[in-house]
Amino acid sequence: MTDWTAITRRNARSVQTTIGWIFWDPGVITRYEAAGLPEGFAGPLGYMAARCAPLASSGPDAVIAAFGSISPLGLRAVFDLLDADGFERMWHARDQAVAEGLARFAPGAIEPLIAMGPALWDVVDALPLVGRTFFGAHLAMSRPEDPLLSAWHAVNCLREWRGDTHWAVVVAAGLSHAEASILHNAWLGYEADWLALSRGTAPEVIDEGWRALERRGWAADRAVLAPGVALRQQIEDDTDRLTSLPWELAGEELATRFAEELEPPCVQLLARVDVTAGPNYQPASRVRSTDG
């Protein structure tokens, strides 16, 4: 029998990498600045603005709910800076940088993405919407005529569908934004509070997250205990299990092809993240050090 959970776990890394490398790329940051974001802050603000553009008309509270892990203060700052046209400008600025960056840094991804794009859209169109608000918002956006960008957006929709599902699992575990980041950080084996701080979480919010975890027996003395790490592993396992549907719809041949053809260029894209952001960033693209 096909192990769809294993296929899902493997392909999730390439999905994340195909999309996430652009978040810190200098090519997109330059475009964000040209489109109106302040120099020195355009990278994180532009990432938030471009990603939330499909949901921006619903206001900051809806976007905060959809993002889950990102600092609410940062998201509100984006809304203070941009009007509706501004969010659209950031969306298009990102798209321009995606096409340019793939050609420059991972040209091996271009042909496979173009070839698989129509089939990936068939999968996206067959996925259930219920409970996947952010995915649904992305699905409503106009699809690019350019075949490479169209395929990239199909992969982005797969990413957001998994993200919505993951946050449903996190919420079902009763975790707040900060608690989830603290447990995730420990599960990754990162230095204390790195992940929460990298997402803009305020120190006082992190402190409250630690107190909440300690009250529930998942941490002590600002260290996550074994039950807390086990909970985070369960969240990951449940996410993989509950997001196997896209690959089941794709079928084993396409799912395997996606892995084999996109993994090599995704290694190049992840190396690009190491340069533009650092080796801790984009953990969903990486094999955990604790896994060997």
C-alpha atoms as a PDB file:
ATOM      1  CA  MET A   1       0.000   0.000   0.000  1.00  0.00           C
ATOM      2  CA  THR A   2       1.127   3.547  -0.744  1.00  0.00           C
ATOM      3  CA  ASP A   3       2.358   5.420   2.335  1.00  0.00           C
ATOM      4  CA  TRP A   4       0.668   8.731   1.622  1.00  0.00           C
ATOM      5  CA  THR A   5       1.771  10.244   4.920  1.00  0.00           C
ATOM      6  CA  ALA A   6       5.416   9.644   4.044  1.00  0.00           C
ATOM      7  CA  ILE A   7       4.894  11.109   0.573  1.00  0.00           C
ATOM      8  CA  THR A   8       3.179  14.108   2.126  1.00  0.00           C
ATOM      9  CA  ARG A   9       5.993  14.661   4.617  1.00  0.00           C
ATOM     10  CA  ARG A  10       8.574  14.505   1.845  1.00  0.00           C
ATOM     11  CA  ASN A  11       6.751  16.785  -0.585  1.00  0.00           C
ATOM     12  CA  ALA A  12       5.846  19.321   2.091  1.00  0.00           C
ATOM     13  CA  ARG A  13       9.504  20.342   2.235  1.00  0.00           C
ATOM     14  CA  SER A  14       9.665  21.036  -1.498  1.00  0.00           C
ATOM     15  CA  VAL A  15       6.333  22.862  -1.442  1.00  0.00           C
ATOM     16  CA  GLN A  16       7.608  25.097   1.341  1.00  0.00           C
ATOM     17  CA  THR A  17      10.946  25.711  -0.368  1.00  0.00           C
ATOM     18  CA  THR A  18       9.458  26.447  -3.788  1.00  0.00           C
ATOM     19  CA  ILE A  19       7.430  29.218  -2.174  1.00  0.00           C
ATOM     20  CA  GLY A  20       9.353  30.363   0.874  1.00  0.00           C
ATOM     21  CA  TRP A  21      12.769  31.259  -0.571  1.00  0.00           C
ATOM     22  CA  ILE A  22      11.310  34.470  -1.994  1.00  0.00           C
ATOM     23  CA  PHE A  23      10.492  35.862   1.457  1.00  0.00           C
ATOM     24  CA  TRP A  24      14.049  37.103   2.057  1.00  0.00           C
ATOM     25  CA  ASP A  25      15.348  37.503  -1.491  1.00  0.00           C
ATOM     26  CA  PRO A  26      17.004  40.895  -2.174  1.00  0.00           C
ATOM     27  CA  GLY A  27      15.304  41.016  -5.573  1.00  0.00           C
ATOM     28  CA  VAL A  28      11.866  41.125  -3.987  1.00  0.00           C
ATOM     29  CA  ILE A  29      12.925  43.461  -1.180  1.00  0.00           C
ATOM     30  CA  THR A  30      14.103  46.020  -3.745  1.00  0.00           C
ATOM     31  CA  ARG A  31      10.738  45.784  -5.450  1.00  0.00           C
ATOM     32  CA  TYR A  32       8.863  46.195  -2.155  1.00  0.00           C
ATOM     33  CA  GLU A  33      10.808  49.370  -1.467  1.00  0.00           C
ATOM     34  CA  ALA A  34      10.050  50.685  -4.960  1.00  0.00           C
ATOM     35  CA  ALA A  35       6.377  49.889  -4.360  1.00  0.00           C
ATOM     36  CA  GLY A  36       6.253  52.027  -1.233  1.00  0.00           C
ATOM     37  CA  LEU A  37       7.574  50.135   1.810  1.00  0.00           C
ATOM     38  CA  PRO A  38      10.242  51.765   3.999  1.00  0.00           C
ATOM     39  CA  GLU A  39      13.873  50.841   3.428  1.00  0.00           C
ATOM     40  CA  GLY A  40      15.221  48.555   6.115  1.00  0.00           C
ATOM     41  CA  PHE A  41      11.801  47.083   6.908  1.00  0.00           C
ATOM     42  CA  ALA A  42      10.574  46.190   3.432  1.00  0.00           C
ATOM     43  CA  GLY A  43      11.566  42.515   3.706  1.00  0.00           C
ATOM     44  CA  PRO A  44       9.353  41.375   6.594  1.00  0.00           C
ATOM     45  CA  LEU A  45       6.614  43.927   5.868  1.00  0.00           C
ATOM     46  CA  GLY A  46       6.568  42.988   2.185  1.00  0.00           C
ATOM     47  CA  TYR A  47       6.395  39.295   2.977  1.00  0.00           C
ATOM     48  CA  MET A  48       3.375  39.873   5.184  1.00  0.00           C
ATOM     49  CA  ALA A  49       1.717  42.252   2.720  1.00  0.00           C
ATOM     50  CA  ALA A  50       2.187  40.059  -0.343  1.00  0.00           C
ATOM     51  CA  ARG A  51       1.112  36.900   1.417  1.00  0.00           C
ATOM     52  CA  CYS A  52      -1.955  38.397   3.048  1.00  0.00           C
ATOM     53  CA  ALA A  53      -3.068  40.359  -0.036  1.00  0.00           C
ATOM     54  CA  PRO A  54      -5.863  37.871  -0.892  1.00  0.00           C
ATOM     55  CA  LEU A  55      -7.391  38.387   2.576  1.00  0.00           C
ATOM     56  CA  ALA A  56      -6.420  42.022   3.173  1.00  0.00           C
ATOM     57  CA  SER A  57      -9.868  43.398   2.389  1.00  0.00           C
ATOM     58  CA  SER A  58     -11.161  41.565   5.478  1.00  0.00           C
ATOM     59  CA  GLY A  59      -8.919  43.643   7.742  1.00  0.00           C
ATOM     60  CA  PRO A  60      -6.056  42.968  10.141  1.00  0.00           C
ATOM     61  CA  ASP A  61      -7.925  40.773  12.605  1.00  0.00           C
ATOM     62  CA  ALA A  62      -8.808  38.241   9.908  1.00  0.00           C
ATOM     63  CA  VAL A  63      -5.220  38.257   8.664  1.00  0.00           C
ATOM     64  CA  ILE A  64      -3.839  37.787  12.194  1.00  0.00           C
ATOM     65  CA  ALA A  65      -6.145  34.810  12.624  1.00  0.00           C
ATOM     66  CA  ALA A  66      -4.982  33.300   9.334  1.00  0.00           C
ATOM     67  CA  PHE A  67      -1.243  33.797   9.827  1.00  0.00           C
ATOM     68  CA  GLY A  68      -1.138  32.196  13.258  1.00  0.00           C
ATOM     69  CA  SER A  69       2.560  32.489  14.037  1.00  0.00           C
ATOM     70  CA  ILE A  70       3.413  36.014  12.877  1.00  0.00           C
ATOM     71  CA  SER A  71       3.445  38.956  15.290  1.00  0.00           C
ATOM     72  CA  PRO A  72       0.078  40.742  15.362  1.00  0.00           C
ATOM     73  CA  LEU A  73       1.967  44.014  15.872  1.00  0.00           C
ATOM     74  CA  GLY A  74       3.817  43.517  12.598  1.00  0.00           C
ATOM     75  CA  LEU A  75       0.657  42.669  10.721  1.00  0.00           C
ATOM     76  CA  ARG A  76      -1.129  45.742  12.076  1.00  0.00           C
ATOM     77  CA  ALA A  77       1.841  47.855  11.009  1.00  0.00           C
ATOM     78  CA  VAL A  78       1.381  46.626   7.441  1.00  0.00           C
ATOM     79  CA  PHE A  79      -2.242  47.778   7.485  1.00  0.00           C
ATOM     80  CA  ASP A  80      -1.165  51.173   8.831  1.00  0.00           C
ATOM     81  CA  LEU A  81       1.168  51.584   5.848  1.00  0.00           C
ATOM     82  CA  LEU A  82      -0.867  50.218   2.958  1.00  0.00           C
ATOM     83  CA  ASP A  83      -4.248  50.731   1.374  1.00  0.00           C
ATOM     84  CA  ALA A  84      -5.970  48.143  -0.839  1.00  0.00           C
ATOM     85  CA  ASP A  85      -3.904  49.160  -3.869  1.00  0.00           C
ATOM     86  CA  GLY A  86      -0.748  48.820  -1.795  1.00  0.00           C
ATOM     87  CA  PHE A  87      -1.436  45.173  -1.004  1.00  0.00           C
ATOM     88  CA  GLU A  88      -2.009  44.486  -4.681  1.00  0.00           C
ATOM     89  CA  ARG A  89       1.274  46.207  -5.562  1.00  0.00           C
ATOM     90  CA  MET A  90       3.144  43.962  -3.138  1.00  0.00           C
ATOM     91  CA  TRP A  91       1.463  40.860  -4.576  1.00  0.00           C
ATOM     92  CA  HIS A  92       2.610  41.767  -8.095  1.00  0.00           C
ATOM     93  CA  ALA A  93       6.073  42.850  -6.934  1.00  0.00           C
ATOM     94  CA  ARG A  94       6.579  39.423  -5.423  1.00  0.00           C
ATOM     95  CA  ASP A  95       5.434  37.680  -8.607  1.00  0.00           C
ATOM     96  CA  GLN A  96       7.958  39.612 -10.687  1.00  0.00           C
ATOM     97  CA  ALA A  97      10.753  38.622  -8.327  1.00  0.00           C
ATOM     98  CA  VAL A  98       9.695  34.954  -8.301  1.00  0.00           C
ATOM     99  CA  ALA A  99      10.077  34.517 -12.044  1.00  0.00           C
ATOM    100  CA  GLU A 100      13.392  36.354 -12.103  1.00  0.00           C
ATOM    101  CA  GLY A 101      14.787  34.552  -9.058  1.00  0.00           C
ATOM    102  CA  LEU A 102      13.893  31.055 -10.210  1.00  0.00           C
ATOM    103  CA  ALA A 103      15.602  31.672 -13.542  1.00  0.00           C
ATOM    104  CA  ARG A 104      18.713  32.881 -11.746  1.00  0.00           C
ATOM    105  CA  PHE A 105      19.005  30.632  -8.707  1.00  0.00           C
ATOM    106  CA  ALA A 106      17.103  27.414  -9.510  1.00  0.00           C
ATOM    107  CA  PRO A 107      16.549  27.144 -13.262  1.00  0.00           C
ATOM    108  CA  GLY A 108      16.059  23.411 -12.885  1.00  0.00           C
ATOM    109  CA  ALA A 109      12.684  24.091 -11.247  1.00  0.00           C
ATOM    110  CA  ILE A 110      11.233  25.932 -14.203  1.00  0.00           C
ATOM    111  CA  GLU A 111      10.565  23.122 -16.665  1.00  0.00           C
ATOM    112  CA  PRO A 112       9.087  20.708 -14.076  1.00  0.00           C
ATOM    113  CA  LEU A 113       6.823  23.401 -12.647  1.00  0.00           C
ATOM    114  CA  ILE A 114       5.516  24.399 -16.064  1.00  0.00           C
ATOM    115  CA  ALA A 115       4.921  20.767 -17.002  1.00  0.00           C
ATOM    116  CA  MET A 116       3.144  19.882 -13.750  1.00  0.00           C
ATOM    117  CA  GLY A 117       1.241  23.148 -13.347  1.00  0.00           C
ATOM    118  CA  PRO A 118      -2.071  22.180 -15.005  1.00  0.00           C
ATOM    119  CA  ALA A 119      -2.254  18.896 -13.061  1.00  0.00           C
ATOM    120  CA  LEU A 120      -1.446  20.697  -9.808  1.00  0.00           C
ATOM    121  CA  TRP A 121      -4.266  23.156 -10.449  1.00  0.00           C
ATOM    122  CA  ASP A 122      -6.616  20.206 -10.970  1.00  0.00           C
ATOM    123  CA  VAL A 123      -5.604  19.013  -7.501  1.00  0.00           C
ATOM    124  CA  VAL A 124      -6.022  22.469  -5.978  1.00  0.00           C
ATOM    125  CA  ASP A 125      -9.490  22.840  -7.490  1.00  0.00           C
ATOM    126  CA  ALA A 126     -10.561  19.500  -5.995  1.00  0.00           C
ATOM    127  CA  LEU A 127      -9.519  20.304  -2.414  1.00  0.00           C
ATOM    128  CA  PRO A 128     -12.197  21.032   0.210  1.00  0.00           C
ATOM    129  CA  LEU A 129     -12.602  24.652   1.279  1.00  0.00           C
ATOM    130  CA  VAL A 130     -14.241  24.178   4.670  1.00  0.00           C
ATOM    131  CA  GLY A 131     -11.989  25.461   7.445  1.00  0.00           C
ATOM    132  CA  ARG A 132      -9.310  26.653   4.996  1.00  0.00           C
ATOM    133  CA  THR A 133      -9.983  30.382   4.883  1.00  0.00           C
ATOM    134  CA  PHE A 134      -6.538  31.516   3.808  1.00  0.00           C
ATOM    135  CA  PHE A 135      -6.412  28.864   1.094  1.00  0.00           C
ATOM    136  CA  GLY A 136      -9.850  29.941  -0.073  1.00  0.00           C
ATOM    137  CA  ALA A 137      -8.747  33.557  -0.310  1.00  0.00           C
ATOM    138  CA  HIS A 138      -5.753  32.564  -2.434  1.00  0.00           C
ATOM    139  CA  LEU A 139      -7.908  30.363  -4.612  1.00  0.00           C
ATOM    140  CA  ALA A 140     -10.048  33.375  -5.494  1.00  0.00           C
ATOM    141  CA  MET A 141      -7.110  35.352  -6.906  1.00  0.00           C
ATOM    142  CA  SER A 142      -6.644  35.674 -10.662  1.00  0.00           C
ATOM    143  CA  ARG A 143      -4.341  33.031 -12.046  1.00  0.00           C
ATOM    144  CA  PRO A 144      -1.344  34.312 -13.996  1.00  0.00           C
ATOM    145  CA  GLU A 145      -1.237  33.665 -17.715  1.00  0.00           C
ATOM    146  CA  ASP A 146       2.490  32.985 -17.522  1.00  0.00           C
ATOM    147  CA  PRO A 147       2.778  29.187 -17.128  1.00  0.00           C
ATOM    148  CA  LEU A 148       5.662  29.355 -14.648  1.00  0.00           C
ATOM    149  CA  LEU A 149       3.932  31.827 -12.349  1.00  0.00           C
ATOM    150  CA  SER A 150       0.680  29.931 -12.715  1.00  0.00           C
ATOM    151  CA  ALA A 151       2.359  26.727 -11.547  1.00  0.00           C
ATOM    152  CA  TRP A 152       4.077  28.586  -8.697  1.00  0.00           C
ATOM    153  CA  HIS A 153       0.691  29.857  -7.533  1.00  0.00           C
ATOM    154  CA  ALA A 154      -0.735  26.338  -7.654  1.00  0.00           C
ATOM    155  CA  VAL A 155       2.066  25.208  -5.342  1.00  0.00           C
ATOM    156  CA  ASN A 156       1.394  28.242  -3.149  1.00  0.00           C
ATOM    157  CA  CYS A 157      -2.229  27.174  -2.815  1.00  0.00           C
ATOM    158  CA  LEU A 158      -1.077  23.711  -1.733  1.00  0.00           C
ATOM    159  CA  ARG A 159       1.132  25.379   0.854  1.00  0.00           C
ATOM    160  CA  GLU A 160      -1.691  27.510   2.247  1.00  0.00           C
ATOM    161  CA  TRP A 161      -4.088  24.537   2.369  1.00  0.00           C
ATOM    162  CA  ARG A 162      -1.567  22.663   4.496  1.00  0.00           C
ATOM    163  CA  GLY A 163      -0.990  25.781   6.599  1.00  0.00           C
ATOM    164  CA  ASP A 164      -4.685  26.214   7.350  1.00  0.00           C
ATOM    165  CA  THR A 165      -4.893  22.547   8.328  1.00  0.00           C
ATOM    166  CA  HIS A 166      -1.803  22.799  10.513  1.00  0.00           C
ATOM    167  CA  TRP A 167      -3.208  25.753  12.442  1.00  0.00           C
ATOM    168  CA  ALA A 168      -6.460  23.895  12.992  1.00  0.00           C
ATOM    169  CA  VAL A 169      -4.398  21.148  14.656  1.00  0.00           C
ATOM    170  CA  VAL A 170      -2.491  23.718  16.738  1.00  0.00           C
ATOM    171  CA  VAL A 171      -5.716  25.391  17.875  1.00  0.00           C
ATOM    172  CA  ALA A 172      -7.263  22.015  18.692  1.00  0.00           C
ATOM    173  CA  ALA A 173      -4.302  21.441  21.024  1.00  0.00           C
ATOM    174  CA  GLY A 174      -5.244  24.658  22.830  1.00  0.00           C
ATOM    175  CA  LEU A 175      -2.030  26.497  21.971  1.00  0.00           C
ATOM    176  CA  SER A 176      -1.601  30.232  21.571  1.00  0.00           C
ATOM    177  CA  HIS A 177       0.624  31.926  19.007  1.00  0.00           C
ATOM    178  CA  ALA A 178       3.545  32.145  21.451  1.00  0.00           C
ATOM    179  CA  GLU A 179       3.091  28.682  22.973  1.00  0.00           C
ATOM    180  CA  ALA A 180       3.106  27.106  19.521  1.00  0.00           C
ATOM    181  CA  SER A 181       6.327  28.903  18.583  1.00  0.00           C
ATOM    182  CA  ILE A 182       8.045  27.908  21.841  1.00  0.00           C
ATOM    183  CA  LEU A 183       7.167  24.218  21.383  1.00  0.00           C
ATOM    184  CA  HIS A 184       8.157  24.334  17.720  1.00  0.00           C
ATOM    185  CA  ASN A 185      11.484  25.944  18.641  1.00  0.00           C
ATOM    186  CA  ALA A 186      12.250  23.171  21.141  1.00  0.00           C
ATOM    187  CA  TRP A 187      11.218  20.475  18.666  1.00  0.00           C
ATOM    188  CA  LEU A 188      13.623  21.971  16.128  1.00  0.00           C
ATOM    189  CA  GLY A 189      16.430  22.132  18.668  1.00  0.00           C
ATOM    190  CA  TYR A 190      16.995  25.859  18.096  1.00  0.00           C
ATOM    191  CA  GLU A 191      18.490  28.225  20.653  1.00  0.00           C
ATOM    192  CA  ALA A 192      16.071  29.558  23.259  1.00  0.00           C
ATOM    193  CA  ASP A 193      13.187  31.667  21.891  1.00  0.00           C
ATOM    194  CA  TRP A 194      14.811  32.009  18.450  1.00  0.00           C
ATOM    195  CA  LEU A 195      11.725  31.083  16.457  1.00  0.00           C
ATOM    196  CA  ALA A 196       9.287  33.297  18.339  1.00  0.00           C
ATOM    197  CA  LEU A 197      11.659  36.274  18.168  1.00  0.00           C
ATOM    198  CA  SER A 198      12.267  35.727  14.446  1.00  0.00           C
ATOM    199  CA  ARG A 199       8.511  36.021  13.923  1.00  0.00           C
ATOM    200  CA  GLY A 200       8.371  39.343  15.734  1.00  0.00           C
ATOM    201  CA  THR A 201       6.741  38.079  18.921  1.00  0.00           C
ATOM    202  CA  ALA A 202       7.103  40.610  21.723  1.00  0.00           C
ATOM    203  CA  PRO A 203       9.208  39.483  24.745  1.00  0.00           C
ATOM    204  CA  GLU A 204       6.283  39.909  27.145  1.00  0.00           C
ATOM    205  CA  VAL A 205       4.121  37.704  24.914  1.00  0.00           C
ATOM    206  CA  ILE A 206       6.852  35.067  24.876  1.00  0.00           C
ATOM    207  CA  ASP A 207       7.049  35.257  28.666  1.00  0.00           C
ATOM    208  CA  GLU A 208       3.329  34.620  28.945  1.00  0.00           C
ATOM    209  CA  GLY A 209       3.677  31.709  26.558  1.00  0.00           C
ATOM    210  CA  TRP A 210       6.282  30.134  28.821  1.00  0.00           C
ATOM    211  CA  ARG A 211       4.085  30.632  31.872  1.00  0.00           C
ATOM    212  CA  ALA A 212       1.145  29.010  30.105  1.00  0.00           C
ATOM    213  CA  LEU A 213       3.230  26.001  29.074  1.00  0.00           C
ATOM    214  CA  GLU A 214       4.557  25.621  32.615  1.00  0.00           C
ATOM    215  CA  ARG A 215       1.026  25.677  34.030  1.00  0.00           C
ATOM    216  CA  ARG A 216       0.162  22.768  31.743  1.00  0.00           C
ATOM    217  CA  GLY A 217       3.238  20.742  32.624  1.00  0.00           C
ATOM    218  CA  TRP A 218       4.917  21.111  29.229  1.00  0.00           C
ATOM    219  CA  ALA A 219       7.776  23.338  30.406  1.00  0.00           C
ATOM    220  CA  ALA A 220       9.756  24.244  33.515  1.00  0.00           C
ATOM    221  CA  ASP A 221      12.348  26.961  34.137  1.00  0.00           C
ATOM    222  CA  ARG A 222      12.012  28.146  30.516  1.00  0.00           C
ATOM    223  CA  ALA A 223      12.835  24.732  29.126  1.00  0.00           C
ATOM    224  CA  VAL A 224      10.356  22.581  27.207  1.00  0.00           C
ATOM    225  CA  LEU A 225       9.902  19.165  28.811  1.00  0.00           C
ATOM    226  CA  ALA A 226       9.579  15.827  27.039  1.00  0.00           C
ATOM    227  CA  PRO A 227       5.754  15.926  27.023  1.00  0.00           C
ATOM    228  CA  GLY A 228       5.887  19.322  25.290  1.00  0.00           C
ATOM    229  CA  VAL A 229       8.230  18.036  22.607  1.00  0.00           C
ATOM    230  CA  ALA A 230       6.022  14.965  22.211  1.00  0.00           C
ATOM    231  CA  LEU A 231       2.989  17.201  21.723  1.00  0.00           C
ATOM    232  CA  ARG A 232       4.797  19.136  18.994  1.00  0.00           C
ATOM    233  CA  GLN A 233       5.736  15.864  17.300  1.00  0.00           C
ATOM    234  CA  GLN A 234       2.104  14.794  17.457  1.00  0.00           C
ATOM    235  CA  ILE A 235       1.065  18.079  15.845  1.00  0.00           C
ATOM    236  CA  GLU A 236       3.512  17.446  13.015  1.00  0.00           C
ATOM    237  CA  ASP A 237       2.367  13.858  12.565  1.00  0.00           C
ATOM    238  CA  ASP A 238      -1.286  14.897  12.552  1.00  0.00           C
ATOM    239  CA  THR A 239      -0.562  17.649  10.038  1.00  0.00           C
ATOM    240  CA  ASP A 240       1.142  15.193   7.687  1.00  0.00           C
ATOM    241  CA  ARG A 241      -1.698  12.705   8.069  1.00  0.00           C
ATOM    242  CA  LEU A 242      -4.427  15.286   7.541  1.00  0.00           C
ATOM    243  CA  THR A 243      -2.776  16.892   4.509  1.00  0.00           C
ATOM    244  CA  SER A 244      -2.193  13.776   2.437  1.00  0.00           C
ATOM    245  CA  LEU A 245      -5.311  14.443   0.336  1.00  0.00           C
ATOM    246  CA  PRO A 246      -3.615  16.636  -2.316  1.00  0.00           C
ATOM    247  CA  TRP A 247      -1.098  13.909  -3.081  1.00  0.00           C
ATOM    248  CA  GLU A 248      -3.730  11.197  -3.080  1.00  0.00           C
ATOM    249  CA  LEU A 249      -5.684  13.289  -5.594  1.00  0.00           C
ATOM    250  CA  ALA A 250      -2.523  13.822  -7.621  1.00  0.00           C
ATOM    251  CA  GLY A 251      -1.796  10.108  -7.698  1.00  0.00           C
ATOM    252  CA  GLU A 252       1.410   8.290  -6.924  1.00  0.00           C
ATOM    253  CA  GLU A 253       3.037   8.981 -10.294  1.00  0.00           C
ATOM    254  CA  LEU A 254       2.644  12.773 -10.096  1.00  0.00           C
ATOM    255  CA  ALA A 255       3.437  12.877  -6.377  1.00  0.00           C
ATOM    256  CA  THR A 256       6.668  10.948  -6.948  1.00  0.00           C
ATOM    257  CA  ARG A 257       7.557  13.075  -9.957  1.00  0.00           C
ATOM    258  CA  PHE A 258       7.036  16.229  -7.900  1.00  0.00           C
ATOM    259  CA  ALA A 259       9.499  14.941  -5.303  1.00  0.00           C
ATOM    260  CA  GLU A 260      12.149  13.707  -7.685  1.00  0.00           C
ATOM    261  CA  GLU A 261      12.135  16.680 -10.069  1.00  0.00           C
ATOM    262  CA  LEU A 262      11.797  19.522  -7.568  1.00  0.00           C
ATOM    263  CA  GLU A 263      14.016  18.345  -4.739  1.00  0.00           C
ATOM    264  CA  PRO A 264      17.324  19.127  -6.536  1.00  0.00           C
ATOM    265  CA  PRO A 265      16.434  22.750  -7.416  1.00  0.00           C
ATOM    266  CA  CYS A 266      14.911  23.163  -3.957  1.00  0.00           C
ATOM    267  CA  VAL A 267      18.320  22.333  -2.478  1.00  0.00           C
ATOM    268  CA  GLN A 268      19.621  25.342  -4.428  1.00  0.00           C
ATOM    269  CA  LEU A 269      16.766  27.527  -3.202  1.00  0.00           C
ATOM    270  CA  LEU A 270      17.333  26.512   0.407  1.00  0.00           C
ATOM    271  CA  ALA A 271      21.020  27.338   0.020  1.00  0.00           C
ATOM    272  CA  ARG A 272      19.835  30.732  -1.179  1.00  0.00           C
ATOM    273  CA  VAL A 273      17.853  31.148   2.056  1.00  0.00           C
ATOM    274  CA  ASP A 274      21.015  30.341   4.019  1.00  0.00           C
ATOM    275  CA  VAL A 275      22.641  33.342   2.332  1.00  0.00           C
ATOM    276  CA  THR A 276      19.756  35.819   2.391  1.00  0.00           C
ATOM    277  CA  ALA A 277      18.314  34.994   5.820  1.00  0.00           C
ATOM    278  CA  GLY A 278      20.336  32.364   7.679  1.00  0.00           C
ATOM    279  CA  PRO A 279      20.460  28.612   8.296  1.00  0.00           C
ATOM    280  CA  ASN A 280      17.655  28.580  10.871  1.00  0.00           C
ATOM    281  CA  TYR A 281      15.104  30.184   8.605  1.00  0.00           C
ATOM    282  CA  GLN A 282      12.430  28.257   6.756  1.00  0.00           C
ATOM    283  CA  PRO A 283      12.539  25.275   9.125  1.00  0.00           C
ATOM    284  CA  ALA A 284       9.676  23.552   7.304  1.00  0.00           C
ATOM    285  CA  SER A 285      12.079  23.056   4.382  1.00  0.00           C
ATOM    286  CA  ARG A 286      14.730  21.367   6.495  1.00  0.00           C
ATOM    287  CA  VAL A 287      15.323  17.907   7.885  1.00  0.00           C
ATOM    288  CA  ARG A 288      15.561  18.367  11.657  1.00  0.00           C
ATOM    289  CA  SER A 289      18.987  17.921  13.190  1.00  0.00           C
ATOM    290  CA  THR A 290      17.378  15.730  15.846  1.00  0.00           C
ATOM    291  CA  ASP A 291      16.220  13.374  13.100  1.00  0.00           C
ATOM    292  CA  GLY A 292      19.792  12.828  11.925  1.00  0.00           C
END
